[in-house]
Each structure stands twice: as structure tokens, then as C-alpha cells.
């Protein structure tokens, strides 16, 4: 089985404001407080292929630290997964947090498009055993709770598969720019269907070689999570390792995932 390599590009812009009313009335949409704007791009171009999970793009807005008492209804619902004060006191070990008084909350909004094709661009229909022609477009609302030892993230995602995801149009546009042949089977893509998903992930910081700031260090985090819904249902477990100089305490993730922080 061919190993699918991907290219991941992440760009972050820090947004700030001095608006005194920025913290009030937090709801589904971004407020005017300090925040991060991230762009993710997955593509298999480094492997010289254009097949299976062939492209993914995501724009995510993540707020700075916010008062959970001011969250809107969706964030309050997601807080049952990331942890509220009562549940964290009862299940402190499960939450991963060391000091409940230091927990920070961030909420986010994201738009994601994923694209899937078979291996043969001339295939009018996907051959048996290969990925079908499919696209997914989703709008996500997330909540993140963290201290220096753990990060719990949850996301409610509303989306669609099928032509309404506009995967064909995006791929055709990119292929026109690159001057390469288009895939010929998009007329057989899976039909339009709305999707609703709930995602959760927990990351716990790992320290393998600790040093003073500015010196070489090796760290990372373990991770487990799940997805439940009509688009994706799965359970996963893994880890990520970093090494280098000037490593901040951080849970950022270069992968395009529903709860990427």
C-alpha cells in the first residue's frame, strides 16, 4: 500500500483590539478581542500523487483567553466535554489538569473543506476498494480548555457532502492554474447530504528532556480523541514529539484536524 505523504502549511496571524466591550456577549461568531487566525493546507504533492485524501484546507479563528461565564449556548454545551468546574473537581485525573485555578478557555470558529478522489484521474467512477469521489465542507464551533499540562478540545461541526461542498470546482480551478489534467469522474461523486458531528480530543504534555529557556529540549504530547456523527465516527490514540531550542509550552498541531489548536 502506498504511503500517502502530505504537505502541511500553517500560517498564524495574531489579532488584537482594545475594544472595552469585546468580551461581552460571546456567541457563535468571532468577537473583537485578541485572537489567532490560522490557515491549514494538506496536499499529497510532495509524494507526487493526486489520489485518496488529496486535499484539505481550513481557516480557523481561535480567541485568546475568555471568561467562560460569558460564553454563548453552544460554548456552554461544549464545556460539558472540555470540563466545567464541578466536573473537573470530581474527575481531575481524567481531565489531565493539575491546577483548576490556572485553566484558560478559548473558543473558535472554522471553515474546512476536504477532498477525496480515486487513484486514476481518468476513472469515470471510483473502482472497487478505492476512495469515492467526495467532498466535505463544514462549519465548526469549538471550545478549548487548557493549563500547562493538558488541553481538552471539543467541536460541533455542521456541514455537507456532495456537490454542495464544491470540491470539484476547487480542484478544477487549481488544476487549471497548474496546467494539469482534471479528474473526469466528479459527476459520480456521492450525493448531497447534510452532516452533523461532535469531536473531542485531549492532549497531555510529555517532557523527555527538560532544560532552561533557550537551551535544547525534547517534549511533545500524547493525544486521544473521538468523532461521533454522520460525517465521521472514529476513535484514535497517538502522540507527537518536538525537539529543538526555544520551545514554548505549546499544544499547537500542524495537522489539519477538527480540533486543531
Protein backbone atom coordinates (compact mmCIF):
# COMPACT_ATOMS: atom_id res chain seq x y z
CA UNK A 1 0.00 0.00 0.00
CA UNK A 2 1.37 3.35 -1.00
CA UNK A 3 2.16 5.63 1.83
CA UNK A 4 0.36 8.93 1.39
CA UNK A 5 2.63 11.84 2.18
CA UNK A 6 1.18 15.25 2.65
CA UNK A 7 2.23 18.83 2.74
CA UNK A 8 1.03 20.81 5.74
CA UNK A 9 1.19 24.57 5.73
CA UNK A 10 0.17 26.58 8.78
CA UNK A 11 0.10 30.35 8.93
CA UNK A 12 -0.90 32.23 12.08
CA UNK A 13 -1.84 35.88 12.44
CA UNK A 14 -2.33 37.41 15.90
CA UNK A 15 -5.29 39.79 16.08
CA UNK A 16 -5.68 42.30 18.93
CA UNK A 17 -8.04 45.08 19.89
CA UNK A 18 -8.53 47.49 22.77
CA UNK A 19 -12.31 47.47 22.50
CA UNK A 20 -13.64 47.51 26.07
CA UNK A 21 -16.81 45.69 25.03
CA UNK A 22 -15.04 42.90 23.21
CA UNK A 23 -15.57 40.36 25.97
CA UNK A 24 -19.33 40.74 26.16
CA UNK A 25 -21.97 38.52 24.58
CA UNK A 26 -19.73 35.75 23.23
CA UNK A 27 -21.69 33.64 20.77
CA UNK A 28 -21.09 31.57 17.67
CA UNK A 29 -19.16 34.17 15.68
CA UNK A 30 -15.74 35.69 16.44
CA UNK A 31 -15.67 38.63 18.84
CA UNK A 32 -13.31 41.62 18.67
CA UNK A 33 -10.87 40.51 21.35
CA UNK A 34 -7.34 39.14 20.92
CA UNK A 35 -7.27 36.03 18.74
CA UNK A 36 -5.30 33.83 16.35
CA UNK A 37 -6.20 33.26 12.69
CA UNK A 38 -4.73 30.04 11.25
CA UNK A 39 -4.71 28.59 7.75
CA UNK A 40 -4.09 24.88 7.16
CA UNK A 41 -3.41 23.18 3.83
CA UNK A 42 -2.98 19.43 3.33
CA UNK A 43 -1.88 18.12 -0.06
CA UNK A 44 -0.14 14.99 -1.35
CA UNK A 45 2.01 16.91 -3.84
CA UNK A 46 5.27 16.01 -2.07
CA UNK A 47 4.55 12.33 -2.80
CA UNK A 48 3.98 13.09 -6.46
CA UNK A 49 0.44 11.71 -6.23
CA UNK A 50 -3.07 13.07 -6.50
CA UNK A 51 -5.36 10.45 -5.01
CA UNK A 52 -7.38 9.25 -1.99
CA UNK A 53 -7.37 12.11 0.57
CA UNK A 54 -5.97 14.51 -1.99
CA UNK A 55 -6.54 17.94 -0.45
CA UNK A 56 -7.75 19.67 2.68
CA UNK A 57 -7.99 23.35 3.58
CA UNK A 58 -9.06 25.01 6.81
CA UNK A 59 -9.35 28.56 8.12
CA UNK A 60 -9.71 28.71 11.91
CA UNK A 61 -10.26 31.67 14.24
CA UNK A 62 -9.30 30.93 17.87
CA UNK A 63 -9.90 33.51 20.58
CA UNK A 64 -7.48 34.49 23.31
CA UNK A 65 -8.35 33.69 26.92
CA UNK A 66 -12.05 34.32 27.63
CA UNK A 67 -14.34 34.25 30.66
CA UNK A 68 -16.43 31.03 30.39
CA UNK A 69 -19.29 32.69 32.24
CA UNK A 70 -19.84 34.88 29.16
CA UNK A 71 -19.97 32.07 26.61
CA UNK A 72 -22.96 31.55 24.34
CA UNK A 73 -25.21 28.50 24.39
CA UNK A 74 -23.07 26.37 22.05
CA UNK A 75 -19.88 27.00 24.02
CA UNK A 76 -21.68 26.27 27.28
CA UNK A 77 -22.80 22.95 25.84
CA UNK A 78 -19.29 22.07 24.64
CA UNK A 79 -17.92 22.94 28.08
CA UNK A 80 -19.53 19.75 29.38
CA UNK A 81 -16.91 17.90 27.30
CA UNK A 82 -13.88 20.13 27.85
CA UNK A 83 -14.78 20.35 31.55
CA UNK A 84 -16.65 22.71 33.86
CA UNK A 85 -15.53 23.49 37.42
CA UNK A 86 -17.86 20.94 39.06
CA UNK A 87 -16.94 18.03 36.79
CA UNK A 88 -13.23 18.88 36.87
CA UNK A 89 -13.18 18.71 40.66
CA UNK A 90 -14.81 15.29 40.54
CA UNK A 91 -12.71 13.92 37.65
CA UNK A 92 -9.47 15.86 37.97
CA UNK A 93 -7.25 12.97 36.86
CA UNK A 94 -9.38 12.25 33.80
CA UNK A 95 -9.30 15.92 32.78
CA UNK A 96 -5.47 15.99 32.83
CA UNK A 97 -5.32 19.38 34.55
CA UNK A 98 -3.00 19.98 37.50
CA UNK A 99 -4.38 23.24 38.92
CA UNK A 100 -8.01 24.14 38.26
CA UNK A 101 -7.34 27.77 39.14
CA UNK A 102 -5.00 28.19 36.14
CA UNK A 103 -7.30 26.82 33.41
CA UNK A 104 -7.78 29.12 30.41
CA UNK A 105 -10.70 28.92 27.97
CA UNK A 106 -10.65 29.75 24.26
CA UNK A 107 -13.40 29.34 21.70
CA UNK A 108 -13.18 29.13 17.93
CA UNK A 109 -14.91 29.15 14.56
CA UNK A 110 -13.60 27.32 11.49
CA UNK A 111 -14.41 26.55 7.85
CA UNK A 112 -12.99 23.30 6.44
CA UNK A 113 -13.09 21.65 3.02
CA UNK A 114 -11.84 18.09 2.41
CA UNK A 115 -11.46 16.41 -0.99
CA UNK A 116 -11.26 12.69 -1.90
CA UNK A 117 -10.66 11.00 -5.28
CA UNK A 118 -9.68 7.56 -6.61
CA UNK A 119 -6.15 6.89 -7.87
CA UNK A 120 -6.91 7.07 -11.61
CA UNK A 121 -7.87 10.60 -12.76
CA UNK A 122 -9.49 9.12 -15.90
CA UNK A 123 -11.85 6.88 -13.91
CA UNK A 124 -15.45 7.91 -14.53
CA UNK A 125 -16.47 6.04 -11.38
CA UNK A 126 -14.36 5.06 -8.42
CA UNK A 127 -13.05 1.47 -8.81
CA UNK A 128 -13.90 -1.02 -6.03
CA UNK A 129 -11.67 -0.65 -2.99
CA UNK A 130 -10.66 2.95 -3.79
CA UNK A 131 -11.86 6.22 -2.36
CA UNK A 132 -15.04 7.54 -3.98
CA UNK A 133 -15.22 10.98 -5.50
CA UNK A 134 -16.28 13.03 -2.50
CA UNK A 135 -16.04 16.45 -0.94
CA UNK A 136 -16.97 17.75 2.50
CA UNK A 137 -17.50 21.34 3.59
CA UNK A 138 -18.06 22.11 7.25
CA UNK A 139 -18.53 24.99 9.67
CA UNK A 140 -17.17 24.26 13.14
CA UNK A 141 -17.66 25.80 16.57
CA UNK A 142 -15.05 24.77 19.14
CA UNK A 143 -14.15 25.25 22.79
CA UNK A 144 -10.69 24.66 24.29
CA UNK A 145 -9.70 24.40 27.96
CA UNK A 146 -6.02 24.22 28.91
CA UNK A 147 -3.33 24.62 31.53
CA UNK A 148 0.40 23.98 31.13
CA UNK A 149 -0.12 20.20 31.33
CA UNK A 150 -3.24 19.40 29.28
CA UNK A 151 -5.58 20.67 26.58
CA UNK A 152 -9.17 19.47 26.15
CA UNK A 153 -10.87 20.50 22.90
CA UNK A 154 -14.38 19.87 21.58
CA UNK A 155 -16.06 20.95 18.36
CA UNK A 156 -19.58 20.89 16.96
CA UNK A 157 -19.42 20.69 13.16
CA UNK A 158 -22.27 21.33 10.70
CA UNK A 159 -21.58 20.57 7.05
CA UNK A 160 -22.43 18.86 3.80
CA UNK A 161 -21.05 16.22 1.49
CA UNK A 162 -21.73 16.08 -2.23
CA UNK A 163 -21.76 18.79 -4.92
CA UNK A 164 -22.71 21.44 -2.35
CA UNK A 165 -19.21 21.02 -0.88
CA UNK A 166 -17.80 22.42 -4.18
CA UNK A 167 -14.78 20.09 -4.16
CA UNK A 168 -14.98 19.65 -7.94
CA UNK A 169 -14.93 23.39 -8.60
CA UNK A 170 -11.97 23.95 -6.27
CA UNK A 171 -9.94 21.08 -7.73
CA UNK A 172 -10.70 22.13 -11.33
CA UNK A 173 -9.63 25.71 -10.53
CA UNK A 174 -6.31 24.55 -9.01
CA UNK A 175 -5.64 22.13 -11.88
CA UNK A 176 -6.30 24.91 -14.39
CA UNK A 177 -3.74 27.10 -12.61
CA UNK A 178 -1.20 24.27 -12.60
CA UNK A 179 -1.92 23.23 -16.17
CA UNK A 180 -2.59 19.58 -15.29
CA UNK A 181 -5.38 17.21 -16.33
CA UNK A 182 -8.65 17.29 -14.44
CA UNK A 183 -10.27 14.32 -12.76
CA UNK A 184 -13.05 13.04 -15.01
CA UNK A 185 -15.38 11.31 -12.55
CA UNK A 186 -16.80 14.09 -10.43
CA UNK A 187 -20.25 13.50 -11.94
CA UNK A 188 -20.30 10.25 -9.94
CA UNK A 189 -19.46 11.87 -6.58
CA UNK A 190 -21.54 10.98 -3.55
CA UNK A 191 -24.82 12.98 -3.42
CA UNK A 192 -25.66 15.97 -1.30
CA UNK A 193 -26.33 15.16 2.34
CA UNK A 194 -26.13 17.36 5.46
CA UNK A 195 -23.75 16.27 8.21
CA UNK A 196 -23.60 16.85 11.95
CA UNK A 197 -20.59 15.84 14.03
CA UNK A 198 -19.20 16.15 17.52
CA UNK A 199 -15.43 15.90 18.01
CA UNK A 200 -13.30 15.71 21.16
CA UNK A 201 -9.56 15.48 21.78
CA UNK A 202 -7.33 15.53 24.85
CA UNK A 203 -3.61 16.31 24.69
CA UNK A 204 -1.29 15.81 27.66
CA UNK A 205 2.16 17.32 27.65
CA UNK A 206 5.16 14.98 27.65
CA UNK A 207 8.66 16.08 28.71
CA UNK A 208 11.59 13.88 27.69
CA UNK A 209 14.47 16.33 28.11
CA UNK A 210 13.76 19.47 30.11
CA UNK A 211 16.09 22.46 30.09
CA UNK A 212 16.16 26.13 30.88
CA UNK A 213 14.66 28.54 28.35
CA UNK A 214 16.92 28.95 25.33
CA UNK A 215 18.57 25.53 25.63
CA UNK A 216 17.92 22.30 23.73
CA UNK A 217 14.83 20.37 24.84
CA UNK A 218 12.71 17.42 23.77
CA UNK A 219 8.99 17.33 24.53
CA UNK A 220 5.61 16.68 22.92
CA UNK A 221 2.18 15.45 23.86
CA UNK A 222 0.07 12.31 23.93
CA UNK A 223 -3.37 12.51 22.36
CA UNK A 224 -6.62 10.62 22.23
CA UNK A 225 -9.97 11.61 20.82
CA UNK A 226 -13.15 10.60 19.04
CA UNK A 227 -15.63 11.74 16.44
CA UNK A 228 -19.35 10.97 16.51
CA UNK A 229 -21.78 11.84 13.76
CA UNK A 230 -22.94 11.39 10.19
CA UNK A 231 -19.70 12.58 8.56
CA UNK A 232 -17.12 10.77 10.65
CA UNK A 233 -17.20 8.31 13.53
CA UNK A 234 -13.85 7.17 14.90
CA UNK A 235 -11.63 6.73 17.94
CA UNK A 236 -7.90 7.42 17.87
CA UNK A 237 -4.78 7.43 20.03
CA UNK A 238 -1.36 8.87 19.25
CA UNK A 239 1.50 11.19 20.17
CA UNK A 240 3.63 13.99 18.75
CA UNK A 241 7.26 14.75 19.61
CA UNK A 242 9.22 18.03 19.25
CA UNK A 243 12.89 18.77 19.69
CA UNK A 244 14.87 21.99 19.38
CA UNK A 245 15.79 25.23 21.05
CA UNK A 246 13.46 27.89 22.49
CA UNK A 247 10.48 25.54 22.70
CA UNK A 248 7.50 27.25 24.34
CA UNK A 249 4.88 25.36 26.34
CA UNK A 250 2.54 24.72 23.47
CA UNK A 251 -0.13 22.33 22.15
CA UNK A 252 -0.24 23.63 18.57
CA UNK A 253 -0.67 20.95 15.92
CA UNK A 254 0.47 21.15 12.26
CA UNK A 255 -2.13 18.58 11.17
CA UNK A 256 -5.48 19.59 9.73
CA UNK A 257 -7.77 18.10 12.35
CA UNK A 258 -11.23 19.16 13.57
CA UNK A 259 -9.92 20.40 16.92
CA UNK A 260 -6.54 21.75 15.74
CA UNK A 261 -5.41 24.41 18.21
